[in-house]
PDB file of N, CA and C in Angstrom:
ATOM      1  N   UNK A   1       0.771  -1.177  -0.024  1.00  0.00           N
ATOM      2  CA  UNK A   1      -0.178  -0.001   0.042  1.00  0.00           C
ATOM      3  C   UNK A   1       0.770   1.171   0.004  1.00  0.00           C
ATOM      4  N   UNK A   2       0.487   2.257  -0.867  1.00  0.00           N
ATOM      5  CA  UNK A   2       1.297   3.525  -0.796  1.00  0.00           C
ATOM      6  C   UNK A   2       0.400   4.539  -0.546  1.00  0.00           C
ATOM      7  N   UNK A   3       0.599   5.334   0.463  1.00  0.00           N
ATOM      8  CA  UNK A   3       0.047   6.561   0.637  1.00  0.00           C
ATOM      9  C   UNK A   3       0.688   7.936   0.370  1.00  0.00           C
ATOM     10  N   UNK A   4       0.105   8.705  -0.467  1.00  0.00           N
ATOM     11  CA  UNK A   4       0.667   9.943  -0.985  1.00  0.00           C
ATOM     12  C   UNK A   4       0.072  11.293  -0.498  1.00  0.00           C
ATOM     13  N   UNK A   5       0.927  11.772   0.587  1.00  0.00           N
ATOM     14  CA  UNK A   5       0.476  13.089   0.992  1.00  0.00           C
ATOM     15  C   UNK A   5       1.502  14.122   1.075  1.00  0.00           C
ATOM     16  N   UNK A   6       1.443  15.273   1.244  1.00  0.00           N
ATOM     17  CA  UNK A   6       2.452  16.306   1.209  1.00  0.00           C
ATOM     18  C   UNK A   6       2.074  17.237   2.250  1.00  0.00           C
ATOM     19  N   UNK A   7       3.059  18.026   2.766  1.00  0.00           N
ATOM     20  CA  UNK A   7       2.963  19.061   3.650  1.00  0.00           C
ATOM     21  C   UNK A   7       2.874  20.351   2.813  1.00  0.00           C
ATOM     22  N   UNK A   8       1.671  20.960   2.857  1.00  0.00           N
ATOM     23  CA  UNK A   8       1.343  22.127   1.819  1.00  0.00           C
ATOM     24  C   UNK A   8       2.471  23.262   2.019  1.00  0.00           C
ATOM     25  N   UNK A   9       2.911  23.523   3.204  1.00  0.00           N
ATOM     26  CA  UNK A   9       3.790  24.324   3.680  1.00  0.00           C
ATOM     27  C   UNK A   9       5.145  24.195   2.797  1.00  0.00           C
ATOM     28  N   UNK A  10       5.594  23.019   2.837  1.00  0.00           N
ATOM     29  CA  UNK A  10       6.784  22.629   1.945  1.00  0.00           C
ATOM     30  C   UNK A  10       6.679  23.166   0.621  1.00  0.00           C
ATOM     31  N   UNK A  11       5.368  22.884   0.122  1.00  0.00           N
ATOM     32  CA  UNK A  11       5.257  23.327  -1.217  1.00  0.00           C
ATOM     33  C   UNK A  11       5.479  24.916  -1.496  1.00  0.00           C
ATOM     34  N   UNK A  12       4.874  25.733  -0.413  1.00  0.00           N
ATOM     35  CA  UNK A  12       4.901  27.249  -0.444  1.00  0.00           C
ATOM     36  C   UNK A  12       6.360  27.594  -0.380  1.00  0.00           C
ATOM     37  N   UNK A  13       7.113  26.995   0.612  1.00  0.00           N
ATOM     38  CA  UNK A  13       8.401  27.338   1.111  1.00  0.00           C
ATOM     39  C   UNK A  13       9.424  27.095  -0.213  1.00  0.00           C
ATOM     40  N   UNK A  14       9.276  25.887  -0.748  1.00  0.00           N
ATOM     41  CA  UNK A  14      10.157  25.672  -1.855  1.00  0.00           C
ATOM     42  C   UNK A  14       9.803  26.565  -3.145  1.00  0.00           C
ATOM     43  N   UNK A  15       8.509  26.938  -3.277  1.00  0.00           N
ATOM     44  CA  UNK A  15       8.353  27.890  -4.404  1.00  0.00           C
ATOM     45  C   UNK A  15       9.055  29.132  -4.020  1.00  0.00           C
ATOM     46  N   UNK A  16       9.021  29.687  -2.816  1.00  0.00           N
ATOM     47  CA  UNK A  16       9.617  30.990  -2.304  1.00  0.00           C
ATOM     48  C   UNK A  16      11.196  30.739  -2.536  1.00  0.00           C
ATOM     49  N   UNK A  17      11.818  29.829  -2.013  1.00  0.00           N
ATOM     50  CA  UNK A  17      13.145  29.722  -2.201  1.00  0.00           C
ATOM     51  C   UNK A  17      13.737  29.656  -3.709  1.00  0.00           C
ATOM     52  N   UNK A  18      12.819  29.033  -4.696  1.00  0.00           N
ATOM     53  CA  UNK A  18      13.322  28.922  -5.950  1.00  0.00           C
ATOM     54  C   UNK A  18      13.129  30.397  -6.647  1.00  0.00           C
ATOM     55  N   UNK A  19      11.911  31.296  -6.265  1.00  0.00           N
ATOM     56  CA  UNK A  19      11.856  32.614  -6.613  1.00  0.00           C
ATOM     57  C   UNK A  19      13.206  33.440  -6.229  1.00  0.00           C
ATOM     58  N   UNK A  20      13.527  33.273  -4.827  1.00  0.00           N
ATOM     59  CA  UNK A  20      14.747  33.913  -4.445  1.00  0.00           C
ATOM     60  C   UNK A  20      15.883  33.513  -5.076  1.00  0.00           C
ATOM     61  N   UNK A  21      16.094  32.169  -5.634  1.00  0.00           N
ATOM     62  CA  UNK A  21      17.475  31.951  -6.421  1.00  0.00           C
ATOM     63  C   UNK A  21      17.345  32.381  -7.700  1.00  0.00           C
ATOM     64  N   UNK A  22      16.002  32.456  -8.428  1.00  0.00           N
ATOM     65  CA  UNK A  22      15.872  32.771  -9.684  1.00  0.00           C
ATOM     66  C   UNK A  22      16.091  34.460  -9.668  1.00  0.00           C
ATOM     67  N   UNK A  23      15.676  35.151  -8.608  1.00  0.00           N
ATOM     68  CA  UNK A  23      16.027  36.596  -8.674  1.00  0.00           C
ATOM     69  C   UNK A  23      17.255  36.827  -8.033  1.00  0.00           C
ATOM     70  N   UNK A  24      18.137  36.067  -7.817  1.00  0.00           N
ATOM     71  CA  UNK A  24      19.517  36.329  -7.415  1.00  0.00           C
ATOM     72  C   UNK A  24      19.628  36.662  -6.010  1.00  0.00           C
ATOM     73  N   UNK A  25      18.688  36.465  -5.097  1.00  0.00           N
ATOM     74  CA  UNK A  25      18.569  36.838  -3.650  1.00  0.00           C
ATOM     75  C   UNK A  25      19.348  35.674  -2.885  1.00  0.00           C
ATOM     76  N   UNK A  26      19.370  34.595  -3.482  1.00  0.00           N
ATOM     77  CA  UNK A  26      19.963  33.508  -2.809  1.00  0.00           C
ATOM     78  C   UNK A  26      20.981  32.757  -3.650  1.00  0.00           C
ATOM     79  N   UNK A  27      22.094  32.280  -3.488  1.00  0.00           N
ATOM     80  CA  UNK A  27      22.814  31.425  -4.262  1.00  0.00           C
ATOM     81  C   UNK A  27      22.347  30.036  -4.608  1.00  0.00           C
ATOM     82  N   UNK A  28      22.560  29.528  -5.632  1.00  0.00           N
ATOM     83  CA  UNK A  28      21.922  28.016  -6.070  1.00  0.00           C
ATOM     84  C   UNK A  28      23.065  27.162  -5.518  1.00  0.00           C
ATOM     85  N   UNK A  29      23.158  27.068  -4.350  1.00  0.00           N
ATOM     86  CA  UNK A  29      24.084  26.077  -3.568  1.00  0.00           C
ATOM     87  C   UNK A  29      23.233  25.385  -2.911  1.00  0.00           C
ATOM     88  N   UNK A  30      23.068  24.013  -3.138  1.00  0.00           N
ATOM     89  CA  UNK A  30      22.171  22.820  -2.654  1.00  0.00           C
ATOM     90  C   UNK A  30      22.252  22.891  -1.184  1.00  0.00           C
ATOM     91  N   UNK A  31      23.506  22.605  -0.658  1.00  0.00           N
ATOM     92  CA  UNK A  31      23.742  22.634   0.726  1.00  0.00           C
ATOM     93  C   UNK A  31      23.286  23.756   1.489  1.00  0.00           C
ATOM     94  N   UNK A  32      23.456  24.911   1.009  1.00  0.00           N
ATOM     95  CA  UNK A  32      23.008  26.188   1.701  1.00  0.00           C
ATOM     96  C   UNK A  32      21.500  26.190   1.586  1.00  0.00           C
ATOM     97  N   UNK A  33      20.767  25.831   0.545  1.00  0.00           N
ATOM     98  CA  UNK A  33      19.348  25.838   0.265  1.00  0.00           C
ATOM     99  C   UNK A  33      18.646  24.798   1.324  1.00  0.00           C
ATOM    100  N   UNK A  34      19.278  23.629   1.223  1.00  0.00           N
ATOM    101  CA  UNK A  34      18.806  22.571   2.125  1.00  0.00           C
ATOM    102  C   UNK A  34      18.742  23.067   3.445  1.00  0.00           C
ATOM    103  N   UNK A  35      19.778  23.630   3.972  1.00  0.00           N
ATOM    104  CA  UNK A  35      20.104  24.006   5.381  1.00  0.00           C
ATOM    105  C   UNK A  35      18.734  25.144   5.735  1.00  0.00           C
ATOM    106  N   UNK A  36      18.730  26.186   4.929  1.00  0.00           N
ATOM    107  CA  UNK A  36      17.746  27.260   4.994  1.00  0.00           C
ATOM    108  C   UNK A  36      16.461  26.519   4.995  1.00  0.00           C
ATOM    109  N   UNK A  37      16.122  25.694   3.917  1.00  0.00           N
ATOM    110  CA  UNK A  37      14.770  25.128   3.911  1.00  0.00           C
ATOM    111  C   UNK A  37      14.326  24.031   5.128  1.00  0.00           C
ATOM    112  N   UNK A  38      15.326  23.327   5.630  1.00  0.00           N
ATOM    113  CA  UNK A  38      15.168  22.716   6.860  1.00  0.00           C
ATOM    114  C   UNK A  38      14.710  23.441   8.106  1.00  0.00           C
ATOM    115  N   UNK A  39      15.559  24.522   8.185  1.00  0.00           N
ATOM    116  CA  UNK A  39      15.316  25.395   9.339  1.00  0.00           C
ATOM    117  C   UNK A  39      13.998  26.036   9.306  1.00  0.00           C
ATOM    118  N   UNK A  40      13.724  26.595   8.094  1.00  0.00           N
ATOM    119  CA  UNK A  40      12.423  27.201   7.902  1.00  0.00           C
ATOM    120  C   UNK A  40      11.286  26.269   8.035  1.00  0.00           C
ATOM    121  N   UNK A  41      11.350  24.920   7.603  1.00  0.00           N
ATOM    122  CA  UNK A  41      10.287  24.040   7.688  1.00  0.00           C
ATOM    123  C   UNK A  41      10.132  23.588   9.237  1.00  0.00           C
ATOM    124  N   UNK A  42      11.122  23.593   9.923  1.00  0.00           N
ATOM    125  CA  UNK A  42      11.018  23.219  11.311  1.00  0.00           C
ATOM    126  C   UNK A  42      10.259  24.305  12.046  1.00  0.00           C
ATOM    127  N   UNK A  43      10.256  25.437  11.537  1.00  0.00           N
ATOM    128  CA  UNK A  43       9.452  26.536  12.399  1.00  0.00           C
ATOM    129  C   UNK A  43       8.087  26.896  11.793  1.00  0.00           C
ATOM    130  N   UNK A  44       7.749  25.985  10.906  1.00  0.00           N
ATOM    131  CA  UNK A  44       6.385  26.280  10.337  1.00  0.00           C
ATOM    132  C   UNK A  44       5.249  24.988  10.874  1.00  0.00           C
ATOM    133  N   UNK A  45       4.078  25.318  10.957  1.00  0.00           N
ATOM    134  CA  UNK A  45       3.169  24.068  11.303  1.00  0.00           C
ATOM    135  C   UNK A  45       3.021  23.094  10.152  1.00  0.00           C
ATOM    136  N   UNK A  46       2.524  21.946  10.454  1.00  0.00           N
ATOM    137  CA  UNK A  46       2.190  21.226   9.352  1.00  0.00           C
ATOM    138  C   UNK A  46       0.805  21.351   8.831  1.00  0.00           C
ATOM    139  N   UNK A  47       0.586  21.265   7.490  1.00  0.00           N
ATOM    140  CA  UNK A  47      -0.760  21.183   6.872  1.00  0.00           C
ATOM    141  C   UNK A  47      -0.772  20.307   5.610  1.00  0.00           C
ATOM    142  N   UNK A  48      -1.174  19.259   5.859  1.00  0.00           N
ATOM    143  CA  UNK A  48      -1.135  18.092   5.062  1.00  0.00           C
ATOM    144  C   UNK A  48      -2.292  17.947   4.156  1.00  0.00           C
ATOM    145  N   UNK A  49      -2.117  17.577   2.780  1.00  0.00           N
ATOM    146  CA  UNK A  49      -3.165  17.315   1.751  1.00  0.00           C
ATOM    147  C   UNK A  49      -2.673  16.276   0.934  1.00  0.00           C
ATOM    148  N   UNK A  50      -3.515  15.700   0.298  1.00  0.00           N
ATOM    149  CA  UNK A  50      -3.347  14.592  -0.687  1.00  0.00           C
ATOM    150  C   UNK A  50      -2.523  15.255  -1.937  1.00  0.00           C
ATOM    151  N   UNK A  51      -3.094  16.363  -2.471  1.00  0.00           N
ATOM    152  CA  UNK A  51      -2.336  17.109  -3.514  1.00  0.00           C
ATOM    153  C   UNK A  51      -2.446  18.480  -3.254  1.00  0.00           C
ATOM    154  N   UNK A  52      -1.390  19.300  -3.673  1.00  0.00           N
ATOM    155  CA  UNK A  52      -1.347  20.684  -3.473  1.00  0.00           C
ATOM    156  C   UNK A  52      -2.631  21.244  -3.962  1.00  0.00           C
ATOM    157  N   UNK A  53      -2.948  20.832  -5.099  1.00  0.00           N
ATOM    158  CA  UNK A  53      -4.024  21.440  -5.750  1.00  0.00           C
ATOM    159  C   UNK A  53      -5.433  21.240  -4.816  1.00  0.00           C
ATOM    160  N   UNK A  54      -5.398  20.351  -4.337  1.00  0.00           N
ATOM    161  CA  UNK A  54      -6.679  20.087  -3.415  1.00  0.00           C
ATOM    162  C   UNK A  54      -6.494  21.150  -2.352  1.00  0.00           C
ATOM    163  N   UNK A  55      -5.358  21.488  -1.713  1.00  0.00           N
ATOM    164  CA  UNK A  55      -5.282  22.435  -0.408  1.00  0.00           C
ATOM    165  C   UNK A  55      -5.678  23.761  -1.075  1.00  0.00           C
ATOM    166  N   UNK A  56      -4.889  24.124  -2.093  1.00  0.00           N
ATOM    167  CA  UNK A  56      -5.133  25.482  -2.774  1.00  0.00           C
ATOM    168  C   UNK A  56      -6.703  25.757  -3.091  1.00  0.00           C
ATOM    169  N   UNK A  57      -7.232  24.668  -3.469  1.00  0.00           N
ATOM    170  CA  UNK A  57      -8.714  24.975  -3.721  1.00  0.00           C
ATOM    171  C   UNK A  57      -9.639  25.222  -2.622  1.00  0.00           C
ATOM    172  N   UNK A  58      -9.342  24.480  -1.437  1.00  0.00           N
ATOM    173  CA  UNK A  58      -9.999  24.636  -0.388  1.00  0.00           C
ATOM    174  C   UNK A  58      -9.749  25.781   0.679  1.00  0.00           C
ATOM    175  N   UNK A  59      -8.664  26.463   0.579  1.00  0.00           N
ATOM    176  CA  UNK A  59      -8.185  27.678   1.286  1.00  0.00           C
ATOM    177  C   UNK A  59      -8.920  28.822   1.122  1.00  0.00           C
ATOM    178  N   UNK A  60      -9.359  29.467   2.157  1.00  0.00           N
ATOM    179  CA  UNK A  60      -9.949  30.905   1.961  1.00  0.00           C
ATOM    180  C   UNK A  60      -8.909  31.899   1.642  1.00  0.00           C
ATOM    181  N   UNK A  61      -9.163  33.062   1.251  1.00  0.00           N
ATOM    182  CA  UNK A  61      -8.182  33.898   0.760  1.00  0.00           C
ATOM    183  C   UNK A  61      -7.347  34.380   2.318  1.00  0.00           C
ATOM    184  N   UNK A  62      -8.052  34.426   3.227  1.00  0.00           N
ATOM    185  CA  UNK A  62      -7.389  34.689   4.460  1.00  0.00           C
ATOM    186  C   UNK A  62      -6.489  33.633   4.968  1.00  0.00           C
ATOM    187  N   UNK A  63      -6.702  32.505   4.866  1.00  0.00           N
ATOM    188  CA  UNK A  63      -5.856  31.392   5.077  1.00  0.00           C
ATOM    189  C   UNK A  63      -4.655  31.218   4.235  1.00  0.00           C
ATOM    190  N   UNK A  64      -4.795  31.600   2.897  1.00  0.00           N
ATOM    191  CA  UNK A  64      -3.754  31.733   2.141  1.00  0.00           C
ATOM    192  C   UNK A  64      -2.839  32.783   2.321  1.00  0.00           C
ATOM    193  N   UNK A  65      -3.232  34.065   2.813  1.00  0.00           N
ATOM    194  CA  UNK A  65      -2.295  35.125   3.084  1.00  0.00           C
ATOM    195  C   UNK A  65      -1.743  34.777   4.207  1.00  0.00           C
ATOM    196  N   UNK A  66      -2.405  34.176   5.428  1.00  0.00           N
ATOM    197  CA  UNK A  66      -1.848  33.886   6.534  1.00  0.00           C
ATOM    198  C   UNK A  66      -0.690  32.782   6.281  1.00  0.00           C
ATOM    199  N   UNK A  67      -0.829  31.881   5.438  1.00  0.00           N
ATOM    200  CA  UNK A  67       0.131  30.724   5.151  1.00  0.00           C
ATOM    201  C   UNK A  67       1.264  31.295   4.582  1.00  0.00           C
ATOM    202  N   UNK A  68       1.066  32.118   3.522  1.00  0.00           N
ATOM    203  CA  UNK A  68       2.135  32.877   2.968  1.00  0.00           C
ATOM    204  C   UNK A  68       3.107  33.807   3.909  1.00  0.00           C
ATOM    205  N   UNK A  69       2.325  34.406   4.696  1.00  0.00           N
ATOM    206  CA  UNK A  69       3.000  35.274   5.569  1.00  0.00           C
ATOM    207  C   UNK A  69       3.937  34.477   6.581  1.00  0.00           C
ATOM    208  N   UNK A  70       3.378  33.352   7.024  1.00  0.00           N
ATOM    209  CA  UNK A  70       4.103  32.373   8.036  1.00  0.00           C
ATOM    210  C   UNK A  70       5.436  31.890   7.339  1.00  0.00           C
ATOM    211  N   UNK A  71       5.429  31.433   5.881  1.00  0.00           N
ATOM    212  CA  UNK A  71       6.354  31.042   5.132  1.00  0.00           C
ATOM    213  C   UNK A  71       7.438  32.191   5.077  1.00  0.00           C
ATOM    214  N   UNK A  72       6.888  33.320   4.702  1.00  0.00           N
ATOM    215  CA  UNK A  72       7.953  34.581   4.657  1.00  0.00           C
ATOM    216  C   UNK A  72       8.715  34.867   5.800  1.00  0.00           C
ATOM    217  N   UNK A  73       7.994  34.952   6.903  1.00  0.00           N
ATOM    218  CA  UNK A  73       8.765  34.972   8.166  1.00  0.00           C
ATOM    219  C   UNK A  73       9.708  33.860   8.403  1.00  0.00           C
ATOM    220  N   UNK A  74       9.234  32.558   8.442  1.00  0.00           N
ATOM    221  CA  UNK A  74      10.181  31.541   8.570  1.00  0.00           C
ATOM    222  C   UNK A  74      11.375  31.479   7.903  1.00  0.00           C
ATOM    223  N   UNK A  75      11.198  31.725   6.480  1.00  0.00           N
ATOM    224  CA  UNK A  75      12.227  31.766   5.511  1.00  0.00           C
ATOM    225  C   UNK A  75      13.223  32.833   5.791  1.00  0.00           C
ATOM    226  N   UNK A  76      12.663  34.087   6.099  1.00  0.00           N
ATOM    227  CA  UNK A  76      13.629  35.198   6.383  1.00  0.00           C
ATOM    228  C   UNK A  76      14.550  34.846   7.592  1.00  0.00           C
ATOM    229  N   UNK A  77      13.867  34.363   8.661  1.00  0.00           N
ATOM    230  CA  UNK A  77      14.634  34.171   9.912  1.00  0.00           C
ATOM    231  C   UNK A  77      15.647  33.046   9.685  1.00  0.00           C
ATOM    232  N   UNK A  78      15.369  31.897   8.785  1.00  0.00           N
ATOM    233  CA  UNK A  78      16.157  30.873   8.454  1.00  0.00           C
ATOM    234  C   UNK A  78      17.347  31.474   7.504  1.00  0.00           C
ATOM    235  N   UNK A  79      17.094  32.306   6.541  1.00  0.00           N
ATOM    236  CA  UNK A  79      18.299  32.810   5.778  1.00  0.00           C
ATOM    237  C   UNK A  79      19.132  33.843   6.739  1.00  0.00           C
ATOM    238  N   UNK A  80      18.649  34.516   7.735  1.00  0.00           N
ATOM    239  CA  UNK A  80      19.494  35.194   8.542  1.00  0.00           C
ATOM    240  C   UNK A  80      20.303  34.317   9.375  1.00  0.00           C
ATOM    241  N   UNK A  81      19.809  33.409   9.801  1.00  0.00           N
ATOM    242  CA  UNK A  81      20.577  32.369  10.751  1.00  0.00           C
ATOM    243  C   UNK A  81      21.642  31.818  10.105  1.00  0.00           C
ATOM    244  N   UNK A  82      21.319  31.191   8.895  1.00  0.00           N
ATOM    245  CA  UNK A  82      22.305  30.529   8.106  1.00  0.00           C
ATOM    246  C   UNK A  82      23.376  31.247   7.501  1.00  0.00           C
ATOM    247  N   UNK A  83      22.892  32.471   7.011  1.00  0.00           N
ATOM    248  CA  UNK A  83      24.008  33.349   6.309  1.00  0.00           C
ATOM    249  C   UNK A  83      24.857  34.076   7.464  1.00  0.00           C
ATOM    250  N   UNK A  84      24.377  33.888   8.840  1.00  0.00           N
ATOM    251  CA  UNK A  84      25.322  34.868   9.533  1.00  0.00           C
ATOM    252  C   UNK A  84      26.442  34.132  10.159  1.00  0.00           C
TER     253      UNK A  84
END
């Protein structure tokens, strides 16, 4: 038996990290990015879904904004810690 679930916060975080790399705000260093992502994820709650599309469909606009804000804060804190 195989159950496929994912933490929606991970999806949001990795999208944001990718945008920072594309924009040149973070280096494309896998070790560094992994450290930043792990530290940020450890400071975010879990929100599991079968598919990211399912979660996006069922979130209210307020929930979406709150989740994006939590990701931004956790990511900024992780970047500051890892880069210092």
